Each structure stands twice: as C-alpha cells, then as structure tokens.
Amino acid sequence: MSHTRQSAQEHRPGQLPENAGPALLGLARAAIAEALGQTVASTPAADWLRDPGASFVTLKQRGVLRGCIGSLVAHRPLGEDIRANALAAAFHDPRFPPVSAAEWPGVQVEVSVLSPLERLVVRSEADLITQIQPGRDGLLLRYGAYQGTFLPQVWEELPDPGQFLSQLKRKAGLPSDFWSPELEVYRYHVEKWREPQAPAEKAT
C-alpha cells in the first residue's frame, strides 16, 4: 500500500516543520550508515515525511565535495527521496568512489529540499543575469539532451553571475559561452540543513 496520501501537498521551502532539519539529516545519515553495515537508531516516521518532496543530499569531507545526488521534481514521498538520494550520493555518484566505512565518520551531510521549478523567459544571457538572484536561486539549464543544475549553495564558490552561468553550462556539457533561443532556464529555491562539522571531527 502506498504511504502517499492523495490529499498531500508537495513540500517546499518554508512549509516544513521546525524539526525538519535534524530529522532529515538523521534520515540521510542513517540510510548510509545502515548500508555500510552499521547499527543505527530508528528513524522518524512522521506523517510529513510521506508527502511528496524533491531533495538533494550533499556529502563533504574536510570541506571538499564527496558526493551530491538529488531530485529536481517531487515524484515520491520526501522521506523516501532523502533516503534514496543519500545512498546515491554515497555510493553511486560517478565522480567519486563509493564512501567506505572507514571514512564515513568524517563525512559531513547536507540536505536541501527544493521548491517547484519556475520557468524563466529570457531573451539573452544578459537578460537572464538581470532576473536571477545570486545567493538565493538554484538554476537548471536544459538544451535538448544536455542538462545541468547548480544548487543555491554554489553561489558561495561562484558569486559572480557570469561565472556561475559559464560553469553551469560546462557542467551541462555545453560550451561556457553557449547561448540559444531554445535554451530552457528554470529556477528554484531550497531550504537546507548542514551538519556543523563531521561527527568524527567534533571536539571531545
């Protein structure tokens, strides 16, 4: 039987309960730890985790990206999405080898819950730059079979809008100076939670 209620609404930033952050971080960490054969405490089973939601799970090690996988559109319960993306980020991100049990205690977990995609009508890259909000907007570019997205957190590393777009186009497999009237641009916002530091590095 499906756990998704027919009357459920898609979760989006600002609509999650106050305890959502610790619950989602715990769910992601428990999913990975369990896959590594570790004993984990029971995870939350709150009703709001059964509502549809789109999420990204990001892993970092000593401040360096260690894996990041997510969903751009809500297509399953948020709790299931977090678990699936946590496992994918840890073990199936093609850019990295699978996370090992030995390194896992030093890996920091971050969870982002996305708003629905908003299509932007743009005439040029200059027009797009006037519409986006640095530090707040996540962007998705689509052109035929090419696709790439940057979460809003990437603004921390690429604060210049022109550089942000150039690197995003390269991530999508396009030239950094590419532009076409057929290029589709979407934006979204996130609510994010990040472990303050990897558990293995906390002071005793």
N, C-alpha and C. Protein backbone atom coordinates (compact mmCIF):
# COMPACT_ATOMS: atom_id res chain seq x y z
N MET A 1 0.84 -1.19 0.00
CA MET A 1 0.00 0.00 0.00
C MET A 1 0.87 1.24 0.00
N SER A 2 0.53 2.21 -0.81
CA SER A 2 1.31 3.44 -0.88
C SER A 2 1.14 4.24 0.39
N HIS A 3 2.24 4.87 0.85
CA HIS A 3 2.19 5.72 2.04
C HIS A 3 1.83 7.16 1.69
N THR A 4 1.75 7.50 0.40
CA THR A 4 1.47 8.88 -0.01
C THR A 4 -0.02 9.13 0.05
N ARG A 5 -0.43 10.15 0.81
CA ARG A 5 -1.84 10.49 0.91
C ARG A 5 -2.27 11.23 -0.34
N GLN A 6 -3.45 10.94 -0.84
CA GLN A 6 -3.93 11.58 -2.06
C GLN A 6 -4.10 13.08 -1.88
N SER A 7 -4.38 13.51 -0.65
CA SER A 7 -4.57 14.94 -0.40
C SER A 7 -3.29 15.66 -0.05
N ALA A 8 -2.17 14.93 -0.04
CA ALA A 8 -0.91 15.53 0.37
C ALA A 8 -0.46 16.61 -0.61
N GLN A 9 0.19 17.62 -0.06
CA GLN A 9 0.74 18.69 -0.87
C GLN A 9 2.25 18.54 -0.92
N GLU A 10 2.83 18.93 -2.05
CA GLU A 10 4.29 18.85 -2.19
C GLU A 10 4.95 19.77 -1.19
N HIS A 11 5.97 19.25 -0.50
CA HIS A 11 6.73 20.08 0.42
C HIS A 11 7.58 21.08 -0.36
N ARG A 12 7.73 22.25 0.20
CA ARG A 12 8.56 23.28 -0.38
C ARG A 12 9.15 24.12 0.73
N PRO A 13 10.21 24.93 0.45
CA PRO A 13 10.82 25.73 1.50
C PRO A 13 9.80 26.58 2.24
N GLY A 14 9.94 26.62 3.57
CA GLY A 14 9.05 27.43 4.38
C GLY A 14 7.81 26.69 4.85
N GLN A 15 7.57 25.49 4.34
CA GLN A 15 6.38 24.74 4.71
C GLN A 15 6.70 23.51 5.54
N LEU A 16 7.93 23.31 5.88
CA LEU A 16 8.32 22.14 6.66
C LEU A 16 8.27 22.46 8.15
N PRO A 17 8.07 21.45 9.00
CA PRO A 17 8.02 21.69 10.44
C PRO A 17 9.36 22.15 10.99
N GLU A 18 9.35 22.72 12.19
CA GLU A 18 10.56 23.28 12.78
C GLU A 18 11.65 22.24 13.00
N ASN A 19 11.25 21.01 13.23
CA ASN A 19 12.23 19.95 13.50
C ASN A 19 12.66 19.22 12.23
N ALA A 20 12.33 19.76 11.06
CA ALA A 20 12.61 19.06 9.81
C ALA A 20 14.10 18.85 9.59
N GLY A 21 14.92 19.84 9.89
CA GLY A 21 16.35 19.74 9.62
C GLY A 21 17.01 18.55 10.30
N PRO A 22 16.95 18.49 11.62
CA PRO A 22 17.56 17.34 12.31
C PRO A 22 16.98 16.00 11.86
N ALA A 23 15.67 15.97 11.59
CA ALA A 23 15.04 14.71 11.16
C ALA A 23 15.57 14.27 9.80
N LEU A 24 15.68 15.21 8.86
CA LEU A 24 16.13 14.87 7.51
C LEU A 24 17.62 14.51 7.50
N LEU A 25 18.43 15.25 8.25
CA LEU A 25 19.85 14.92 8.34
C LEU A 25 20.03 13.54 8.96
N GLY A 26 19.25 13.26 10.00
CA GLY A 26 19.34 11.95 10.64
C GLY A 26 18.92 10.83 9.72
N LEU A 27 17.90 11.09 8.92
CA LEU A 27 17.42 10.08 7.98
C LEU A 27 18.48 9.78 6.93
N ALA A 28 19.12 10.82 6.40
CA ALA A 28 20.16 10.63 5.39
C ALA A 28 21.36 9.88 5.97
N ARG A 29 21.80 10.29 7.15
CA ARG A 29 22.96 9.65 7.77
C ARG A 29 22.66 8.20 8.12
N ALA A 30 21.45 7.95 8.62
CA ALA A 30 21.10 6.58 8.99
C ALA A 30 21.05 5.66 7.78
N ALA A 31 20.55 6.18 6.65
CA ALA A 31 20.46 5.36 5.45
C ALA A 31 21.84 4.90 4.99
N ILE A 32 22.80 5.82 5.03
CA ILE A 32 24.16 5.48 4.58
C ILE A 32 24.83 4.55 5.59
N ALA A 33 24.69 4.87 6.87
CA ALA A 33 25.32 4.04 7.90
C ALA A 33 24.79 2.61 7.85
N GLU A 34 23.49 2.46 7.66
CA GLU A 34 22.88 1.13 7.58
C GLU A 34 23.43 0.36 6.38
N ALA A 35 23.59 1.07 5.24
CA ALA A 35 24.14 0.42 4.05
C ALA A 35 25.57 -0.03 4.26
N LEU A 36 26.28 0.64 5.16
CA LEU A 36 27.66 0.28 5.47
C LEU A 36 27.73 -0.81 6.54
N GLY A 37 26.57 -1.32 6.97
CA GLY A 37 26.55 -2.40 7.93
C GLY A 37 26.59 -1.96 9.37
N GLN A 38 26.38 -0.67 9.62
CA GLN A 38 26.43 -0.16 10.98
C GLN A 38 25.05 -0.20 11.62
N THR A 39 25.03 -0.34 12.92
CA THR A 39 23.78 -0.33 13.67
C THR A 39 23.32 1.11 13.83
N VAL A 40 22.06 1.37 13.50
CA VAL A 40 21.54 2.74 13.58
C VAL A 40 20.27 2.76 14.42
N ALA A 41 19.99 3.92 15.01
CA ALA A 41 18.77 4.09 15.78
C ALA A 41 17.59 4.18 14.82
N SER A 42 16.41 3.96 15.33
CA SER A 42 15.21 4.03 14.50
C SER A 42 15.05 5.44 13.94
N THR A 43 14.64 5.55 12.70
CA THR A 43 14.47 6.83 12.04
C THR A 43 13.03 7.32 12.18
N PRO A 44 12.81 8.63 12.07
CA PRO A 44 11.46 9.17 12.27
C PRO A 44 10.47 8.65 11.22
N ALA A 45 9.21 8.57 11.64
CA ALA A 45 8.15 8.11 10.73
C ALA A 45 7.01 9.13 10.73
N ALA A 46 7.35 10.41 10.77
CA ALA A 46 6.35 11.47 10.83
C ALA A 46 5.52 11.51 9.55
N ASP A 47 4.27 11.93 9.68
CA ASP A 47 3.37 11.99 8.53
C ASP A 47 3.92 12.87 7.42
N TRP A 48 4.58 13.99 7.79
CA TRP A 48 5.03 14.92 6.75
C TRP A 48 6.12 14.33 5.87
N LEU A 49 6.79 13.28 6.33
CA LEU A 49 7.79 12.62 5.50
C LEU A 49 7.15 11.81 4.38
N ARG A 50 5.84 11.58 4.48
CA ARG A 50 5.14 10.81 3.45
C ARG A 50 4.60 11.70 2.34
N ASP A 51 4.66 13.01 2.51
CA ASP A 51 4.21 13.93 1.47
C ASP A 51 5.27 14.03 0.37
N PRO A 52 4.87 14.29 -0.88
CA PRO A 52 5.85 14.39 -1.97
C PRO A 52 6.86 15.51 -1.72
N GLY A 53 8.09 15.27 -2.12
CA GLY A 53 9.13 16.28 -1.98
C GLY A 53 10.32 15.97 -2.85
N ALA A 54 11.01 17.02 -3.29
CA ALA A 54 12.24 16.88 -4.08
C ALA A 54 13.42 17.35 -3.24
N SER A 55 14.47 16.57 -3.21
CA SER A 55 15.60 16.89 -2.34
C SER A 55 16.93 16.59 -3.01
N PHE A 56 17.98 17.19 -2.46
CA PHE A 56 19.36 16.86 -2.80
C PHE A 56 20.08 16.51 -1.51
N VAL A 57 20.95 15.51 -1.57
CA VAL A 57 21.82 15.18 -0.45
C VAL A 57 23.26 15.40 -0.91
N THR A 58 23.98 16.23 -0.15
CA THR A 58 25.36 16.57 -0.48
C THR A 58 26.27 16.06 0.63
N LEU A 59 27.36 15.44 0.26
CA LEU A 59 28.35 14.94 1.21
C LEU A 59 29.66 15.69 1.01
N LYS A 60 30.28 16.08 2.12
CA LYS A 60 31.58 16.74 2.05
C LYS A 60 32.54 16.10 3.04
N GLN A 61 33.81 16.15 2.68
CA GLN A 61 34.87 15.61 3.53
C GLN A 61 35.95 16.66 3.65
N ARG A 62 36.16 17.16 4.85
CA ARG A 62 37.10 18.26 5.11
C ARG A 62 36.79 19.46 4.21
N GLY A 63 35.52 19.71 4.01
CA GLY A 63 35.09 20.87 3.23
C GLY A 63 35.10 20.66 1.74
N VAL A 64 35.49 19.48 1.27
CA VAL A 64 35.57 19.18 -0.16
C VAL A 64 34.40 18.26 -0.55
N LEU A 65 33.79 18.52 -1.69
CA LEU A 65 32.68 17.71 -2.15
C LEU A 65 33.06 16.24 -2.23
N ARG A 66 32.17 15.38 -1.68
CA ARG A 66 32.41 13.94 -1.68
C ARG A 66 31.28 13.18 -2.38
N GLY A 67 30.23 13.89 -2.74
CA GLY A 67 29.10 13.27 -3.43
C GLY A 67 27.90 14.18 -3.36
N CYS A 68 27.10 14.21 -4.42
CA CYS A 68 25.88 15.02 -4.44
C CYS A 68 24.93 14.47 -5.50
N ILE A 69 23.77 14.03 -5.04
CA ILE A 69 22.75 13.49 -5.92
C ILE A 69 21.40 14.00 -5.43
N GLY A 70 20.48 14.28 -6.37
CA GLY A 70 19.18 14.75 -5.93
C GLY A 70 18.09 14.62 -6.97
N SER A 71 16.93 15.11 -6.60
CA SER A 71 15.74 15.11 -7.46
C SER A 71 15.33 16.55 -7.71
N LEU A 72 15.02 16.87 -8.96
CA LEU A 72 14.59 18.22 -9.31
C LEU A 72 13.07 18.38 -9.22
N VAL A 73 12.36 17.28 -9.32
CA VAL A 73 10.90 17.30 -9.28
C VAL A 73 10.42 16.28 -8.26
N ALA A 74 9.44 16.65 -7.46
CA ALA A 74 8.89 15.73 -6.47
C ALA A 74 8.14 14.59 -7.17
N HIS A 75 8.59 13.36 -6.94
CA HIS A 75 7.94 12.21 -7.58
C HIS A 75 7.75 11.04 -6.63
N ARG A 76 8.06 11.26 -5.33
CA ARG A 76 7.87 10.23 -4.33
C ARG A 76 7.86 10.91 -2.96
N PRO A 77 7.46 10.20 -1.90
CA PRO A 77 7.46 10.79 -0.56
C PRO A 77 8.83 11.37 -0.19
N LEU A 78 8.84 12.49 0.52
CA LEU A 78 10.09 13.16 0.85
C LEU A 78 11.04 12.24 1.61
N GLY A 79 10.53 11.46 2.56
CA GLY A 79 11.39 10.56 3.31
C GLY A 79 12.08 9.55 2.41
N GLU A 80 11.35 8.99 1.46
CA GLU A 80 11.94 8.05 0.50
C GLU A 80 12.95 8.74 -0.39
N ASP A 81 12.66 9.97 -0.78
CA ASP A 81 13.56 10.72 -1.65
C ASP A 81 14.89 11.00 -0.94
N ILE A 82 14.81 11.38 0.33
CA ILE A 82 16.03 11.64 1.11
C ILE A 82 16.87 10.37 1.21
N ARG A 83 16.25 9.26 1.55
CA ARG A 83 16.99 8.00 1.70
C ARG A 83 17.64 7.59 0.38
N ALA A 84 16.88 7.63 -0.70
CA ALA A 84 17.40 7.21 -1.99
C ALA A 84 18.55 8.11 -2.45
N ASN A 85 18.41 9.42 -2.26
CA ASN A 85 19.45 10.34 -2.70
C ASN A 85 20.68 10.27 -1.81
N ALA A 86 20.49 9.98 -0.52
CA ALA A 86 21.63 9.80 0.37
C ALA A 86 22.47 8.61 -0.08
N LEU A 87 21.80 7.50 -0.37
CA LEU A 87 22.52 6.30 -0.83
C LEU A 87 23.20 6.54 -2.17
N ALA A 88 22.51 7.25 -3.06
CA ALA A 88 23.11 7.54 -4.37
C ALA A 88 24.32 8.45 -4.24
N ALA A 89 24.23 9.46 -3.36
CA ALA A 89 25.36 10.38 -3.18
C ALA A 89 26.57 9.65 -2.59
N ALA A 90 26.31 8.70 -1.70
CA ALA A 90 27.41 8.00 -1.04
C ALA A 90 28.04 6.91 -1.91
N PHE A 91 27.22 6.25 -2.72
CA PHE A 91 27.71 5.05 -3.40
C PHE A 91 27.62 5.06 -4.93
N HIS A 92 26.89 6.04 -5.50
CA HIS A 92 26.66 5.98 -6.95
C HIS A 92 26.90 7.30 -7.67
N ASP A 93 27.54 8.26 -7.02
CA ASP A 93 27.93 9.47 -7.74
C ASP A 93 29.11 9.09 -8.64
N PRO A 94 28.96 9.18 -9.96
CA PRO A 94 30.01 8.70 -10.86
C PRO A 94 31.32 9.47 -10.76
N ARG A 95 31.30 10.61 -10.10
CA ARG A 95 32.52 11.41 -9.97
C ARG A 95 33.44 10.91 -8.86
N PHE A 96 32.93 10.03 -7.99
CA PHE A 96 33.69 9.63 -6.81
C PHE A 96 33.57 8.12 -6.59
N PRO A 97 34.56 7.53 -5.90
CA PRO A 97 34.42 6.13 -5.49
C PRO A 97 33.40 6.05 -4.36
N PRO A 98 32.83 4.89 -4.13
CA PRO A 98 31.87 4.75 -3.03
C PRO A 98 32.49 5.12 -1.68
N VAL A 99 31.70 5.72 -0.82
CA VAL A 99 32.16 6.05 0.53
C VAL A 99 32.42 4.75 1.28
N SER A 100 33.54 4.70 1.98
CA SER A 100 33.90 3.50 2.74
C SER A 100 33.51 3.67 4.21
N ALA A 101 33.41 2.54 4.90
CA ALA A 101 33.08 2.58 6.32
C ALA A 101 34.14 3.33 7.11
N ALA A 102 35.40 3.23 6.68
CA ALA A 102 36.48 3.87 7.42
C ALA A 102 36.39 5.40 7.34
N GLU A 103 36.00 5.92 6.17
CA GLU A 103 35.95 7.38 6.02
C GLU A 103 34.62 7.98 6.43
N TRP A 104 33.58 7.15 6.53
CA TRP A 104 32.23 7.65 6.77
C TRP A 104 32.11 8.55 8.00
N PRO A 105 32.75 8.23 9.15
CA PRO A 105 32.60 9.11 10.31
C PRO A 105 33.08 10.55 10.07
N GLY A 106 33.95 10.74 9.10
CA GLY A 106 34.47 12.07 8.81
C GLY A 106 33.74 12.79 7.68
N VAL A 107 32.62 12.25 7.23
CA VAL A 107 31.86 12.85 6.14
C VAL A 107 30.72 13.70 6.71
N GLN A 108 30.60 14.91 6.19
CA GLN A 108 29.55 15.84 6.62
C GLN A 108 28.37 15.73 5.67
N VAL A 109 27.16 15.74 6.22
CA VAL A 109 25.94 15.58 5.44
C VAL A 109 25.19 16.92 5.35
N GLU A 110 24.68 17.20 4.16
CA GLU A 110 23.83 18.37 3.94
C GLU A 110 22.60 17.93 3.16
N VAL A 111 21.44 18.43 3.55
CA VAL A 111 20.18 18.10 2.89
C VAL A 111 19.51 19.39 2.43
N SER A 112 19.01 19.38 1.20
CA SER A 112 18.27 20.52 0.64
C SER A 112 16.91 20.03 0.16
N VAL A 113 15.86 20.77 0.47
CA VAL A 113 14.52 20.49 -0.04
C VAL A 113 14.16 21.60 -1.02
N LEU A 114 13.78 21.21 -2.23
CA LEU A 114 13.59 22.16 -3.33
C LEU A 114 12.14 22.62 -3.47
N SER A 115 12.00 23.86 -3.92
CA SER A 115 10.69 24.36 -4.34
C SER A 115 10.40 23.85 -5.75
N PRO A 116 9.16 23.95 -6.23
CA PRO A 116 8.88 23.58 -7.62
C PRO A 116 9.68 24.45 -8.59
N LEU A 117 10.02 23.89 -9.75
CA LEU A 117 10.76 24.62 -10.77
C LEU A 117 9.91 25.75 -11.34
N GLU A 118 10.56 26.89 -11.60
CA GLU A 118 9.90 28.04 -12.23
C GLU A 118 10.60 28.34 -13.55
N ARG A 119 9.89 28.24 -14.65
CA ARG A 119 10.47 28.52 -15.97
C ARG A 119 10.69 30.03 -16.12
N LEU A 120 11.89 30.41 -16.54
CA LEU A 120 12.21 31.81 -16.80
C LEU A 120 12.16 32.08 -18.29
N VAL A 121 11.54 33.17 -18.66
CA VAL A 121 11.50 33.60 -20.06
C VAL A 121 12.63 34.61 -20.25
N VAL A 122 13.64 34.23 -21.03
CA VAL A 122 14.83 35.07 -21.20
C VAL A 122 15.14 35.24 -22.68
N ARG A 123 15.63 36.41 -23.04
CA ARG A 123 15.98 36.71 -24.43
C ARG A 123 17.47 36.54 -24.71
N SER A 124 18.28 36.63 -23.65
CA SER A 124 19.73 36.56 -23.81
C SER A 124 20.35 36.24 -22.46
N GLU A 125 21.63 35.98 -22.46
CA GLU A 125 22.30 35.73 -21.19
C GLU A 125 22.28 36.98 -20.32
N ALA A 126 22.44 38.14 -20.94
CA ALA A 126 22.38 39.39 -20.18
C ALA A 126 21.01 39.56 -19.52
N ASP A 127 19.97 39.19 -20.25
CA ASP A 127 18.62 39.25 -19.70
C ASP A 127 18.48 38.28 -18.53
N LEU A 128 19.03 37.09 -18.66
CA LEU A 128 18.97 36.10 -17.59
C LEU A 128 19.66 36.63 -16.34
N ILE A 129 20.82 37.25 -16.51
CA ILE A 129 21.57 37.76 -15.36
C ILE A 129 20.76 38.80 -14.58
N THR A 130 19.95 39.58 -15.28
CA THR A 130 19.13 40.58 -14.59
C THR A 130 18.00 39.94 -13.79
N GLN A 131 17.63 38.70 -14.14
CA GLN A 131 16.49 38.05 -13.48
C GLN A 131 16.86 37.17 -12.30
N ILE A 132 18.08 36.64 -12.30
CA ILE A 132 18.45 35.72 -11.23
C ILE A 132 18.91 36.47 -9.99
N GLN A 133 18.76 35.81 -8.85
CA GLN A 133 19.12 36.38 -7.56
C GLN A 133 20.31 35.61 -6.99
N PRO A 134 21.53 36.16 -7.10
CA PRO A 134 22.71 35.47 -6.57
C PRO A 134 22.53 35.16 -5.09
N GLY A 135 22.96 33.96 -4.72
CA GLY A 135 22.87 33.55 -3.33
C GLY A 135 21.54 32.93 -2.96
N ARG A 136 20.52 33.10 -3.80
CA ARG A 136 19.18 32.58 -3.47
C ARG A 136 18.67 31.58 -4.50
N ASP A 137 18.91 31.83 -5.77
CA ASP A 137 18.35 30.98 -6.82
C ASP A 137 19.23 29.79 -7.14
N GLY A 138 18.60 28.61 -7.20
CA GLY A 138 19.21 27.47 -7.86
C GLY A 138 18.79 27.52 -9.31
N LEU A 139 19.63 27.07 -10.23
CA LEU A 139 19.31 27.14 -11.65
C LEU A 139 19.43 25.77 -12.31
N LEU A 140 18.54 25.54 -13.26
CA LEU A 140 18.57 24.35 -14.11
C LEU A 140 18.57 24.81 -15.55
N LEU A 141 19.54 24.32 -16.32
CA LEU A 141 19.61 24.60 -17.76
C LEU A 141 19.31 23.31 -18.52
N ARG A 142 18.50 23.44 -19.59
CA ARG A 142 18.21 22.31 -20.46
C ARG A 142 18.31 22.76 -21.91
N TYR A 143 18.99 21.93 -22.70
CA TYR A 143 19.07 22.19 -24.14
C TYR A 143 19.15 20.83 -24.82
N GLY A 144 18.02 20.38 -25.35
CA GLY A 144 18.00 19.05 -25.95
C GLY A 144 18.34 18.00 -24.91
N ALA A 145 19.36 17.19 -25.20
CA ALA A 145 19.77 16.14 -24.27
C ALA A 145 20.71 16.65 -23.18
N TYR A 146 21.10 17.93 -23.26
CA TYR A 146 22.03 18.49 -22.28
C TYR A 146 21.27 19.08 -21.11
N GLN A 147 21.77 18.84 -19.90
CA GLN A 147 21.11 19.35 -18.71
C GLN A 147 22.12 19.51 -17.58
N GLY A 148 21.98 20.56 -16.80
CA GLY A 148 22.84 20.76 -15.64
C GLY A 148 22.16 21.66 -14.65
N THR A 149 22.45 21.45 -13.37
CA THR A 149 21.87 22.29 -12.32
C THR A 149 22.92 22.64 -11.29
N PHE A 150 22.78 23.81 -10.69
CA PHE A 150 23.57 24.23 -9.54
C PHE A 150 22.60 24.59 -8.43
N LEU A 151 22.82 24.02 -7.25
CA LEU A 151 22.06 24.43 -6.08
C LEU A 151 22.45 25.86 -5.68
N PRO A 152 21.60 26.56 -4.93
CA PRO A 152 21.96 27.91 -4.50
C PRO A 152 23.26 27.96 -3.71
N GLN A 153 23.65 26.85 -3.06
CA GLN A 153 24.89 26.83 -2.29
C GLN A 153 26.11 27.09 -3.14
N VAL A 154 26.01 26.82 -4.45
CA VAL A 154 27.18 27.00 -5.33
C VAL A 154 27.56 28.48 -5.45
N TRP A 155 26.62 29.38 -5.15
CA TRP A 155 26.96 30.81 -5.16
C TRP A 155 28.08 31.13 -4.17
N GLU A 156 28.23 30.29 -3.13
CA GLU A 156 29.30 30.52 -2.15
C GLU A 156 30.67 30.40 -2.82
N GLU A 157 30.77 29.55 -3.83
CA GLU A 157 32.04 29.35 -4.53
C GLU A 157 32.12 30.17 -5.81
N LEU A 158 30.97 30.48 -6.42
CA LEU A 158 30.93 31.23 -7.68
C LEU A 158 29.97 32.42 -7.51
N PRO A 159 30.39 33.46 -6.81
CA PRO A 159 29.48 34.58 -6.52
C PRO A 159 29.17 35.48 -7.71
N ASP A 160 30.00 35.42 -8.76
CA ASP A 160 29.77 36.26 -9.94
C ASP A 160 28.76 35.58 -10.86
N PRO A 161 27.65 36.24 -11.22
CA PRO A 161 26.62 35.60 -12.05
C PRO A 161 27.14 35.09 -13.39
N GLY A 162 28.02 35.85 -14.03
CA GLY A 162 28.55 35.41 -15.31
C GLY A 162 29.36 34.13 -15.18
N GLN A 163 30.19 34.07 -14.15
CA GLN A 163 30.98 32.86 -13.92
C GLN A 163 30.10 31.70 -13.51
N PHE A 164 29.09 31.99 -12.70
CA PHE A 164 28.14 30.97 -12.27
C PHE A 164 27.49 30.30 -13.49
N LEU A 165 27.02 31.12 -14.43
CA LEU A 165 26.37 30.59 -15.63
C LEU A 165 27.35 29.86 -16.53
N SER A 166 28.56 30.39 -16.67
CA SER A 166 29.55 29.73 -17.52
C SER A 166 29.87 28.33 -17.01
N GLN A 167 30.07 28.22 -15.69
CA GLN A 167 30.39 26.92 -15.11
C GLN A 167 29.19 25.97 -15.17
N LEU A 168 27.99 26.52 -15.04
CA LEU A 168 26.80 25.68 -15.13
C LEU A 168 26.63 25.12 -16.54
N LYS A 169 26.91 25.94 -17.55
CA LYS A 169 26.82 25.45 -18.92
C LYS A 169 27.85 24.35 -19.17
N ARG A 170 29.03 24.52 -18.61
CA ARG A 170 30.05 23.49 -18.77
C ARG A 170 29.62 22.20 -18.07
N LYS A 171 29.00 22.33 -16.90
CA LYS A 171 28.51 21.15 -16.20
C LYS A 171 27.47 20.43 -17.04
N ALA A 172 26.66 21.20 -17.77
CA ALA A 172 25.62 20.60 -18.62
C ALA A 172 26.19 19.99 -19.89
N GLY A 173 27.49 20.17 -20.14
CA GLY A 173 28.11 19.63 -21.34
C GLY A 173 28.12 20.59 -22.50
N LEU A 174 27.87 21.87 -22.23
CA LEU A 174 27.82 22.90 -23.27
C LEU A 174 29.04 23.81 -23.16
N PRO A 175 29.41 24.50 -24.24
CA PRO A 175 30.49 25.48 -24.15
C PRO A 175 30.13 26.60 -23.17
N SER A 176 31.12 27.15 -22.50
CA SER A 176 30.86 28.17 -21.48
C SER A 176 30.24 29.43 -22.06
N ASP A 177 30.44 29.68 -23.36
CA ASP A 177 29.87 30.87 -23.99
C ASP A 177 28.62 30.55 -24.81
N PHE A 178 28.05 29.36 -24.60
CA PHE A 178 26.91 28.93 -25.40
C PHE A 178 25.67 29.74 -25.09
N TRP A 179 24.89 30.02 -26.15
CA TRP A 179 23.55 30.58 -25.98
C TRP A 179 22.69 30.20 -27.17
N SER A 180 21.44 29.92 -26.91
CA SER A 180 20.49 29.59 -27.96
C SER A 180 19.09 30.00 -27.50
N PRO A 181 18.24 30.48 -28.41
CA PRO A 181 16.86 30.78 -28.03
C PRO A 181 16.11 29.56 -27.51
N GLU A 182 16.62 28.37 -27.83
CA GLU A 182 15.97 27.13 -27.39
C GLU A 182 16.45 26.66 -26.01
N LEU A 183 17.39 27.38 -25.42
CA LEU A 183 17.87 27.02 -24.09
C LEU A 183 16.77 27.26 -23.06
N GLU A 184 16.44 26.24 -22.29
CA GLU A 184 15.42 26.36 -21.25
C GLU A 184 16.11 26.65 -19.91
N VAL A 185 15.56 27.62 -19.19
CA VAL A 185 16.13 28.01 -17.90
C VAL A 185 15.04 27.95 -16.84
N TYR A 186 15.34 27.26 -15.75
CA TYR A 186 14.42 27.15 -14.62
C TYR A 186 15.15 27.57 -13.36
N ARG A 187 14.40 28.15 -12.43
CA ARG A 187 14.99 28.44 -11.14
C ARG A 187 14.16 27.79 -10.04
N TYR A 188 14.80 27.63 -8.89
CA TYR A 188 14.13 27.07 -7.72
C TYR A 188 14.85 27.58 -6.48
N HIS A 189 14.21 27.44 -5.35
CA HIS A 189 14.81 27.81 -4.08
C HIS A 189 14.90 26.57 -3.21
N VAL A 190 15.68 26.64 -2.17
CA VAL A 190 15.83 25.49 -1.29
C VAL A 190 15.78 25.93 0.16
N GLU A 191 15.41 24.98 1.00
CA GLU A 191 15.62 25.09 2.43
C GLU A 191 16.66 24.03 2.75
N LYS A 192 17.75 24.42 3.39
CA LYS A 192 18.85 23.47 3.56
C LYS A 192 19.29 23.40 5.01
N TRP A 193 19.85 22.24 5.33
CA TRP A 193 20.40 21.99 6.66
C TRP A 193 21.73 21.27 6.48
N ARG A 194 22.71 21.67 7.26
CA ARG A 194 24.05 21.10 7.13
C ARG A 194 24.58 20.77 8.52
N GLU A 195 25.14 19.57 8.66
CA GLU A 195 25.79 19.26 9.92
C GLU A 195 26.91 20.26 10.15
N PRO A 196 27.04 20.82 11.36
CA PRO A 196 28.05 21.87 11.58
C PRO A 196 29.47 21.39 11.34
N GLN A 197 29.71 20.12 11.60
CA GLN A 197 31.00 19.52 11.30
C GLN A 197 30.84 18.02 11.33
N ALA A 198 31.77 17.34 10.69
CA ALA A 198 31.67 15.88 10.65
C ALA A 198 31.78 15.34 12.06
N PRO A 199 30.95 14.36 12.43
CA PRO A 199 30.98 13.83 13.79
C PRO A 199 32.36 13.41 14.27
N ALA A 200 33.17 12.84 13.38
CA ALA A 200 34.49 12.36 13.80
C ALA A 200 35.42 13.49 14.15
N GLU A 201 35.09 14.73 13.73
CA GLU A 201 35.98 15.85 13.97
C GLU A 201 35.52 16.72 15.13
N LYS A 202 34.39 16.35 15.77
CA LYS A 202 33.91 17.13 16.90
C LYS A 202 34.86 16.98 18.07
N ALA A 203 34.99 18.06 18.79
CA ALA A 203 35.88 18.04 19.96
C ALA A 203 35.32 17.11 21.03
N THR A 204 36.20 16.42 21.72
CA THR A 204 35.76 15.51 22.77
C THR A 204 35.81 16.22 24.12
